Amino acid sequence: MAQAEAIAHRCMGLTRFQGRTVAITGASGSLGRALLLQLDAAGAQLIALTSSDQPLRLERSNGDPVPLEQVRWSVGQEQALSGVLARVDILLINHGVNCHGERSPDAIERSLEVNALSSWRLLELFAQQDDGKTPREIWINTSEAEIQAALSPLYEISKRLQGQLLSLRSLDLASETFRIRRLVLGPFRSALNPIGLMSADFVAREILRQAHWGLGLVIVTPNPLTYLLMPLATLSRWAYFRVVSSRS
């Protein structure tokens, strides 16, 4: 089975991940674990960034353990990851929180801090590693809540802020050696959304497939409107920010 997975990844061209060091935040969640398994099958060296105290153990289809380095961190302590990120080729920002129907000051602060500000700080920190020579990529999971209702006001607000900050900073940070990919995902089954329509394994496979295709805007959702609206939203936002803002 493991050999079959390796052959499938070669057929999809996913050997581009072979030997590259990939770090994933939110590694203990459903999508984080699925991405780790897919990237392991594609030959990547893995770093699991997680807030969990529990050891993260994953197994390949043949029962062998997935070799990975586990690094514990907490939102607000992004700077402590500087040394780890210096060794990373691809950083995948995947952590998040959904306060659902809450609207208390504590819920507002938590949503903005976890979903938007922590993501922005990691983006800036990882961009500092760009030496103009070594190719690096950062993938940021923003969710289709950027542009559509998610029945969770604070999740929508924080994800839209995350997306806006990503669009704004991409004007200056993206370069030939520093690639930014936006992951726009629809509802998949996880602790945040136990009734999601898609499986985390399916979403992880599609993310890697579209990244191999070279897409900067990776969309995985059963909602056809997202495929139409999200490119328009990102393009119009890029044009607006480019016209009305400057680097100084």
C-alpha atoms as a PDB file:
ATOM      1  CA  MET A   1       0.000   0.000   0.000  1.00  0.00           C
ATOM      2  CA  ALA A   2       2.830   2.391   0.865  1.00  0.00           C
ATOM      3  CA  GLN A   3       4.489   1.598  -2.465  1.00  0.00           C
ATOM      4  CA  ALA A   4       1.192   2.261  -4.248  1.00  0.00           C
ATOM      5  CA  GLU A   5       0.938   5.679  -2.561  1.00  0.00           C
ATOM      6  CA  ALA A   6       4.487   6.538  -3.588  1.00  0.00           C
ATOM      7  CA  ILE A   7       3.749   5.545  -7.197  1.00  0.00           C
ATOM      8  CA  ALA A   8       0.562   7.649  -7.133  1.00  0.00           C
ATOM      9  CA  HIS A   9       2.504  10.671  -5.911  1.00  0.00           C
ATOM     10  CA  ARG A  10       5.098  10.246  -8.643  1.00  0.00           C
ATOM     11  CA  CYS A  11       2.310  10.078 -11.209  1.00  0.00           C
ATOM     12  CA  MET A  12       0.896  13.359  -9.853  1.00  0.00           C
ATOM     13  CA  GLY A  13       4.347  14.948  -9.984  1.00  0.00           C
ATOM     14  CA  LEU A  14       4.451  15.446  -6.214  1.00  0.00           C
ATOM     15  CA  THR A  15       8.114  14.459  -6.061  1.00  0.00           C
ATOM     16  CA  ARG A  16       8.687  18.228  -6.030  1.00  0.00           C
ATOM     17  CA  PHE A  17       8.345  17.888  -2.242  1.00  0.00           C
ATOM     18  CA  GLN A  18      11.070  15.247  -2.070  1.00  0.00           C
ATOM     19  CA  GLY A  19      13.649  16.193   0.554  1.00  0.00           C
ATOM     20  CA  ARG A  20      12.079  19.590   1.289  1.00  0.00           C
ATOM     21  CA  THR A  21      11.460  20.556   4.901  1.00  0.00           C
ATOM     22  CA  VAL A  22       7.817  21.412   5.539  1.00  0.00           C
ATOM     23  CA  ALA A  23       6.490  22.850   8.814  1.00  0.00           C
ATOM     24  CA  ILE A  24       2.762  22.852   9.575  1.00  0.00           C
ATOM     25  CA  THR A  25       0.938  24.739  12.313  1.00  0.00           C
ATOM     26  CA  GLY A  26      -2.245  23.193  13.654  1.00  0.00           C
ATOM     27  CA  ALA A  27      -0.526  19.854  13.037  1.00  0.00           C
ATOM     28  CA  SER A  28      -2.640  17.967  15.582  1.00  0.00           C
ATOM     29  CA  GLY A  29      -5.920  18.838  13.849  1.00  0.00           C
ATOM     30  CA  SER A  30      -7.682  16.775  11.193  1.00  0.00           C
ATOM     31  CA  LEU A  31      -6.270  18.682   8.215  1.00  0.00           C
ATOM     32  CA  GLY A  32      -2.830  19.030   9.785  1.00  0.00           C
ATOM     33  CA  ARG A  33      -2.539  15.284  10.261  1.00  0.00           C
ATOM     34  CA  ALA A  34      -3.842  14.589   6.756  1.00  0.00           C
ATOM     35  CA  LEU A  35      -1.330  17.008   5.245  1.00  0.00           C
ATOM     36  CA  LEU A  36       1.521  15.448   7.200  1.00  0.00           C
ATOM     37  CA  LEU A  37       0.606  12.002   5.863  1.00  0.00           C
ATOM     38  CA  GLN A  38       0.347  13.231   2.272  1.00  0.00           C
ATOM     39  CA  LEU A  39       3.614  15.154   2.477  1.00  0.00           C
ATOM     40  CA  ASP A  40       5.379  12.189   4.044  1.00  0.00           C
ATOM     41  CA  ALA A  41       4.241  10.029   1.123  1.00  0.00           C
ATOM     42  CA  ALA A  42       5.617  12.709  -1.210  1.00  0.00           C
ATOM     43  CA  GLY A  43       9.038  12.493   0.452  1.00  0.00           C
ATOM     44  CA  ALA A  44       9.033  15.691   2.534  1.00  0.00           C
ATOM     45  CA  GLN A  45      10.843  16.124   5.836  1.00  0.00           C
ATOM     46  CA  LEU A  46       8.246  17.142   8.408  1.00  0.00           C
ATOM     47  CA  ILE A  47       8.058  19.525  11.344  1.00  0.00           C
ATOM     48  CA  ALA A  48       4.789  19.499  13.284  1.00  0.00           C
ATOM     49  CA  LEU A  49       4.122  22.817  15.025  1.00  0.00           C
ATOM     50  CA  THR A  50       1.457  22.232  17.665  1.00  0.00           C
ATOM     51  CA  SER A  51       0.149  23.649  20.929  1.00  0.00           C
ATOM     52  CA  SER A  52      -0.701  20.164  22.184  1.00  0.00           C
ATOM     53  CA  ASP A  53       1.240  18.558  25.039  1.00  0.00           C
ATOM     54  CA  GLN A  54       0.517  15.102  23.648  1.00  0.00           C
ATOM     55  CA  PRO A  55       3.081  13.445  21.365  1.00  0.00           C
ATOM     56  CA  LEU A  56       1.897  13.376  17.770  1.00  0.00           C
ATOM     57  CA  ARG A  57       2.164   9.883  16.327  1.00  0.00           C
ATOM     58  CA  LEU A  58       1.169   9.092  12.765  1.00  0.00           C
ATOM     59  CA  GLU A  59       1.405   5.817  10.884  1.00  0.00           C
ATOM     60  CA  ARG A  60       1.834   5.079   7.224  1.00  0.00           C
ATOM     61  CA  SER A  61      -0.548   2.659   5.538  1.00  0.00           C
ATOM     62  CA  ASN A  62       1.947  -0.189   6.122  1.00  0.00           C
ATOM     63  CA  GLY A  63       2.061   0.507   9.859  1.00  0.00           C
ATOM     64  CA  ASP A  64       5.462   2.245   9.886  1.00  0.00           C
ATOM     65  CA  PRO A  65       5.634   5.435  11.992  1.00  0.00           C
ATOM     66  CA  VAL A  66       5.851   8.736  10.126  1.00  0.00           C
ATOM     67  CA  PRO A  67       9.186  10.385  10.971  1.00  0.00           C
ATOM     68  CA  LEU A  68       8.557  13.936  12.100  1.00  0.00           C
ATOM     69  CA  GLU A  69       9.926  16.558  14.446  1.00  0.00           C
ATOM     70  CA  GLN A  70       7.365  17.932  16.880  1.00  0.00           C
ATOM     71  CA  VAL A  71       7.777  21.501  18.144  1.00  0.00           C
ATOM     72  CA  ARG A  72       5.427  22.896  20.766  1.00  0.00           C
ATOM     73  CA  TRP A  73       4.483  26.562  20.468  1.00  0.00           C
ATOM     74  CA  SER A  74       1.677  28.928  21.458  1.00  0.00           C
ATOM     75  CA  VAL A  75      -0.061  31.818  19.733  1.00  0.00           C
ATOM     76  CA  GLY A  76       1.713  35.016  20.757  1.00  0.00           C
ATOM     77  CA  GLN A  77       5.098  33.259  20.883  1.00  0.00           C
ATOM     78  CA  GLU A  78       5.786  33.277  17.157  1.00  0.00           C
ATOM     79  CA  GLN A  79       9.228  34.856  17.577  1.00  0.00           C
ATOM     80  CA  ALA A  80      10.379  31.757  19.461  1.00  0.00           C
ATOM     81  CA  LEU A  81      10.025  29.802  16.203  1.00  0.00           C
ATOM     82  CA  SER A  82      12.658  31.878  14.409  1.00  0.00           C
ATOM     83  CA  GLY A  83      15.367  29.227  14.711  1.00  0.00           C
ATOM     84  CA  VAL A  84      13.041  26.471  13.510  1.00  0.00           C
ATOM     85  CA  LEU A  85      11.794  28.487  10.534  1.00  0.00           C
ATOM     86  CA  ALA A  86      15.367  29.073   9.388  1.00  0.00           C
ATOM     87  CA  ARG A  87      15.455  25.360   8.475  1.00  0.00           C
ATOM     88  CA  VAL A  88      12.097  25.347   6.693  1.00  0.00           C
ATOM     89  CA  ASP A  89      11.474  25.389   2.937  1.00  0.00           C
ATOM     90  CA  ILE A  90       7.661  25.449   3.096  1.00  0.00           C
ATOM     91  CA  LEU A  91       5.646  26.844   6.013  1.00  0.00           C
ATOM     92  CA  LEU A  92       1.978  25.897   6.061  1.00  0.00           C
ATOM     93  CA  ILE A  93      -0.117  28.070   8.383  1.00  0.00           C
ATOM     94  CA  ASN A  94      -3.109  25.966   9.271  1.00  0.00           C
ATOM     95  CA  HIS A  95      -4.061  26.735  12.895  1.00  0.00           C
ATOM     96  CA  GLY A  96      -7.328  28.435  13.722  1.00  0.00           C
ATOM     97  CA  VAL A  97     -10.231  28.735  16.126  1.00  0.00           C
ATOM     98  CA  ASN A  98     -13.988  28.948  15.668  1.00  0.00           C
ATOM     99  CA  CYS A  99     -15.969  30.563  18.482  1.00  0.00           C
ATOM    100  CA  HIS A 100     -19.201  29.850  16.576  1.00  0.00           C
ATOM    101  CA  GLY A 101     -22.005  32.099  17.872  1.00  0.00           C
ATOM    102  CA  GLU A 102     -20.021  33.820  20.616  1.00  0.00           C
ATOM    103  CA  ARG A 103     -19.558  37.606  20.553  1.00  0.00           C
ATOM    104  CA  SER A 104     -18.021  38.367  23.951  1.00  0.00           C
ATOM    105  CA  PRO A 105     -14.900  40.550  24.223  1.00  0.00           C
ATOM    106  CA  ASP A 106     -12.849  37.460  25.117  1.00  0.00           C
ATOM    107  CA  ALA A 107     -14.120  35.619  22.047  1.00  0.00           C
ATOM    108  CA  ILE A 108     -13.370  38.622  19.836  1.00  0.00           C
ATOM    109  CA  GLU A 109      -9.825  38.874  21.148  1.00  0.00           C
ATOM    110  CA  ARG A 110      -9.205  35.150  20.797  1.00  0.00           C
ATOM    111  CA  SER A 111     -10.571  34.977  17.248  1.00  0.00           C
ATOM    112  CA  LEU A 112      -8.540  37.942  16.007  1.00  0.00           C
ATOM    113  CA  GLU A 113      -5.367  36.786  17.756  1.00  0.00           C
ATOM    114  CA  VAL A 114      -5.457  33.156  16.603  1.00  0.00           C
ATOM    115  CA  ASN A 115      -6.955  33.468  13.126  1.00  0.00           C
ATOM    116  CA  ALA A 116      -5.494  36.749  11.893  1.00  0.00           C
ATOM    117  CA  LEU A 117      -2.701  38.313  13.948  1.00  0.00           C
ATOM    118  CA  SER A 118      -0.748  35.130  14.665  1.00  0.00           C
ATOM    119  CA  SER A 119      -0.884  34.251  10.970  1.00  0.00           C
ATOM    120  CA  TRP A 120       0.372  37.724  10.035  1.00  0.00           C
ATOM    121  CA  ARG A 121       3.247  37.539  12.543  1.00  0.00           C
ATOM    122  CA  LEU A 122       4.348  34.159  11.194  1.00  0.00           C
ATOM    123  CA  LEU A 123       4.212  35.519   7.647  1.00  0.00           C
ATOM    124  CA  GLU A 124       6.488  38.413   8.574  1.00  0.00           C
ATOM    125  CA  LEU A 125       8.848  36.163  10.544  1.00  0.00           C
ATOM    126  CA  PHE A 126       9.170  33.617   7.752  1.00  0.00           C
ATOM    127  CA  ALA A 127       9.652  36.359   5.153  1.00  0.00           C
ATOM    128  CA  GLN A 128      12.729  37.487   7.086  1.00  0.00           C
ATOM    129  CA  GLN A 129      14.327  34.162   6.135  1.00  0.00           C
ATOM    130  CA  ASP A 130      14.205  35.097   2.441  1.00  0.00           C
ATOM    131  CA  ASP A 131      17.792  35.601   1.290  1.00  0.00           C
ATOM    132  CA  GLY A 132      16.907  36.040  -2.370  1.00  0.00           C
ATOM    133  CA  LYS A 133      18.636  32.754  -3.210  1.00  0.00           C
ATOM    134  CA  THR A 134      16.876  29.883  -1.440  1.00  0.00           C
ATOM    135  CA  PRO A 135      13.353  29.148  -2.731  1.00  0.00           C
ATOM    136  CA  ARG A 136      10.818  29.238   0.090  1.00  0.00           C
ATOM    137  CA  GLU A 137       7.036  29.061   0.167  1.00  0.00           C
ATOM    138  CA  ILE A 138       4.368  29.958   2.686  1.00  0.00           C
ATOM    139  CA  TRP A 139       0.873  28.508   2.396  1.00  0.00           C
ATOM    140  CA  ILE A 140      -1.876  30.187   4.417  1.00  0.00           C
ATOM    141  CA  ASN A 141      -5.248  28.588   5.069  1.00  0.00           C
ATOM    142  CA  THR A 142      -7.745  31.456   5.020  1.00  0.00           C
ATOM    143  CA  SER A 143     -11.037  29.576   4.355  1.00  0.00           C
ATOM    144  CA  GLU A 144     -13.902  30.549   2.075  1.00  0.00           C
ATOM    145  CA  ALA A 145     -15.276  32.442   5.091  1.00  0.00           C
ATOM    146  CA  GLU A 146     -13.200  35.274   3.572  1.00  0.00           C
ATOM    147  CA  ILE A 147     -16.065  35.954   1.202  1.00  0.00           C
ATOM    148  CA  GLN A 148     -19.042  33.882   2.364  1.00  0.00           C
ATOM    149  CA  ALA A 149     -21.131  33.319   5.472  1.00  0.00           C
ATOM    150  CA  ALA A 150     -19.941  30.609   7.845  1.00  0.00           C
ATOM    151  CA  LEU A 151     -22.693  30.967  10.484  1.00  0.00           C
ATOM    152  CA  SER A 152     -19.993  32.227  12.838  1.00  0.00           C
ATOM    153  CA  PRO A 153     -19.575  36.035  12.825  1.00  0.00           C
ATOM    154  CA  LEU A 154     -16.211  36.129  14.597  1.00  0.00           C
ATOM    155  CA  TYR A 155     -14.789  33.400  12.366  1.00  0.00           C
ATOM    156  CA  GLU A 156     -15.888  35.366   9.300  1.00  0.00           C
ATOM    157  CA  ILE A 157     -14.508  38.676  10.627  1.00  0.00           C
ATOM    158  CA  SER A 158     -11.142  37.218  11.655  1.00  0.00           C
ATOM    159  CA  LYS A 159     -10.715  35.223   8.454  1.00  0.00           C
ATOM    160  CA  ARG A 160     -11.535  38.273   6.337  1.00  0.00           C
ATOM    161  CA  LEU A 161      -8.930  40.266   8.253  1.00  0.00           C
ATOM    162  CA  GLN A 162      -6.441  37.453   7.720  1.00  0.00           C
ATOM    163  CA  GLY A 163      -7.163  37.481   3.999  1.00  0.00           C
ATOM    164  CA  GLN A 164      -6.912  41.255   3.731  1.00  0.00           C
ATOM    165  CA  LEU A 165      -3.582  41.327   5.585  1.00  0.00           C
ATOM    166  CA  LEU A 166      -2.292  38.558   3.330  1.00  0.00           C
ATOM    167  CA  SER A 167      -3.280  40.484   0.200  1.00  0.00           C
ATOM    168  CA  LEU A 168      -1.739  43.699   1.525  1.00  0.00           C
ATOM    169  CA  ARG A 169       1.594  42.202   2.579  1.00  0.00           C
ATOM    170  CA  SER A 170       1.866  40.041  -0.540  1.00  0.00           C
ATOM    171  CA  LEU A 171       2.467  43.236  -2.522  1.00  0.00           C
ATOM    172  CA  ASP A 172       5.840  43.628  -0.801  1.00  0.00           C
ATOM    173  CA  LEU A 173       6.812  40.163   0.443  1.00  0.00           C
ATOM    174  CA  ALA A 174       6.192  37.960  -2.593  1.00  0.00           C
ATOM    175  CA  SER A 175       9.256  37.532  -4.805  1.00  0.00           C
ATOM    176  CA  GLU A 176      10.918  35.063  -7.142  1.00  0.00           C
ATOM    177  CA  THR A 177      12.329  33.174  -4.168  1.00  0.00           C
ATOM    178  CA  PHE A 178       9.444  33.708  -1.727  1.00  0.00           C
ATOM    179  CA  ARG A 179       6.169  32.208  -2.941  1.00  0.00           C
ATOM    180  CA  ILE A 180       2.858  32.853  -1.162  1.00  0.00           C
ATOM    181  CA  ARG A 181      -0.088  30.504  -1.653  1.00  0.00           C
ATOM    182  CA  ARG A 182      -3.579  31.184  -0.358  1.00  0.00           C
ATOM    183  CA  LEU A 183      -5.595  28.101   0.588  1.00  0.00           C
ATOM    184  CA  VAL A 184      -9.344  28.704   0.358  1.00  0.00           C
ATOM    185  CA  LEU A 185     -11.091  25.680   1.786  1.00  0.00           C
ATOM    186  CA  GLY A 186     -14.725  24.780   2.090  1.00  0.00           C
ATOM    187  CA  PRO A 187     -16.315  22.798   4.920  1.00  0.00           C
ATOM    188  CA  PHE A 188     -14.376  19.649   5.794  1.00  0.00           C
ATOM    189  CA  ARG A 189     -14.853  17.390   8.800  1.00  0.00           C
ATOM    190  CA  SER A 190     -12.770  18.459  11.792  1.00  0.00           C
ATOM    191  CA  ALA A 191     -13.068  19.395  15.459  1.00  0.00           C
ATOM    192  CA  LEU A 192     -14.052  22.896  14.327  1.00  0.00           C
ATOM    193  CA  ASN A 193     -16.696  21.541  11.963  1.00  0.00           C
ATOM    194  CA  PRO A 194     -17.798  17.951  12.693  1.00  0.00           C
ATOM    195  CA  ILE A 195     -20.453  18.060   9.949  1.00  0.00           C
ATOM    196  CA  GLY A 196     -18.185  19.193   7.112  1.00  0.00           C
ATOM    197  CA  LEU A 197     -18.985  17.842   3.659  1.00  0.00           C
ATOM    198  CA  MET A 198     -15.435  16.862   2.668  1.00  0.00           C
ATOM    199  CA  SER A 199     -12.906  14.600   4.351  1.00  0.00           C
ATOM    200  CA  ALA A 200      -9.606  16.071   5.531  1.00  0.00           C
ATOM    201  CA  ASP A 201      -7.738  13.453   3.483  1.00  0.00           C
ATOM    202  CA  PHE A 202      -9.466  14.554   0.278  1.00  0.00           C
ATOM    203  CA  VAL A 203      -8.735  18.225   1.011  1.00  0.00           C
ATOM    204  CA  ALA A 204      -5.066  17.493   1.747  1.00  0.00           C
ATOM    205  CA  ARG A 205      -4.650  15.604  -1.542  1.00  0.00           C
ATOM    206  CA  GLU A 206      -6.253  18.418  -3.504  1.00  0.00           C
ATOM    207  CA  ILE A 207      -4.083  21.058  -1.826  1.00  0.00           C
ATOM    208  CA  LEU A 208      -0.904  19.237  -2.832  1.00  0.00           C
ATOM    209  CA  ARG A 209      -2.211  18.576  -6.329  1.00  0.00           C
ATOM    210  CA  GLN A 210      -3.026  22.252  -6.967  1.00  0.00           C
ATOM    211  CA  ALA A 211       0.249  23.409  -5.420  1.00  0.00           C
ATOM    212  CA  HIS A 212       2.062  21.127  -7.862  1.00  0.00           C
ATOM    213  CA  TRP A 213       0.144  22.779 -10.684  1.00  0.00           C
ATOM    214  CA  GLY A 214       1.726  26.046  -9.540  1.00  0.00           C
ATOM    215  CA  LEU A 215      -1.484  27.736  -8.387  1.00  0.00           C
ATOM    216  CA  GLY A 216      -1.099  30.622  -5.978  1.00  0.00           C
ATOM    217  CA  LEU A 217      -4.808  30.510  -5.204  1.00  0.00           C
ATOM    218  CA  VAL A 218      -5.704  26.994  -4.096  1.00  0.00           C
ATOM    219  CA  ILE A 219      -9.462  26.396  -3.803  1.00  0.00           C
ATOM    220  CA  VAL A 220     -11.019  23.186  -2.492  1.00  0.00           C
ATOM    221  CA  THR A 221     -14.757  23.367  -1.914  1.00  0.00           C
ATOM    222  CA  PRO A 222     -18.032  21.873  -3.153  1.00  0.00           C
ATOM    223  CA  ASN A 223     -19.410  25.405  -3.571  1.00  0.00           C
ATOM    224  CA  PRO A 224     -19.071  26.482  -7.240  1.00  0.00           C
ATOM    225  CA  LEU A 225     -19.568  30.170  -6.348  1.00  0.00           C
ATOM    226  CA  THR A 226     -16.255  30.219  -4.504  1.00  0.00           C
ATOM    227  CA  TYR A 227     -14.369  29.347  -7.692  1.00  0.00           C
ATOM    228  CA  LEU A 228     -15.913  32.404  -9.316  1.00  0.00           C
ATOM    229  CA  LEU A 229     -15.967  34.914  -6.458  1.00  0.00           C
ATOM    230  CA  MET A 230     -12.620  34.239  -4.784  1.00  0.00           C
ATOM    231  CA  PRO A 231     -10.399  35.074  -7.797  1.00  0.00           C
ATOM    232  CA  LEU A 232     -12.420  38.250  -8.351  1.00  0.00           C
ATOM    233  CA  ALA A 233     -12.118  39.224  -4.686  1.00  0.00           C
ATOM    234  CA  THR A 234      -8.358  38.668  -4.536  1.00  0.00           C
ATOM    235  CA  LEU A 235      -7.738  40.450  -7.837  1.00  0.00           C
ATOM    236  CA  SER A 236      -9.838  43.496  -6.932  1.00  0.00           C
ATOM    237  CA  ARG A 237      -8.266  43.649  -3.464  1.00  0.00           C
ATOM    238  CA  TRP A 238      -4.765  43.436  -4.969  1.00  0.00           C
ATOM    239  CA  ALA A 239      -5.532  46.255  -7.412  1.00  0.00           C
ATOM    240  CA  TYR A 240      -7.098  48.475  -4.745  1.00  0.00           C
ATOM    241  CA  PHE A 241      -4.264  48.018  -2.249  1.00  0.00           C
ATOM    242  CA  ARG A 242      -1.665  48.603  -4.971  1.00  0.00           C
ATOM    243  CA  VAL A 243      -3.248  51.912  -5.958  1.00  0.00           C
ATOM    244  CA  VAL A 244      -4.020  53.419  -2.539  1.00  0.00           C
ATOM    245  CA  SER A 245      -1.048  52.203  -0.449  1.00  0.00           C
ATOM    246  CA  SER A 246       2.740  52.328  -0.568  1.00  0.00           C
ATOM    247  CA  ARG A 247       5.703  50.602   1.078  1.00  0.00           C
ATOM    248  CA  SER A 248       6.791  53.686   3.016  1.00  0.00           C
END
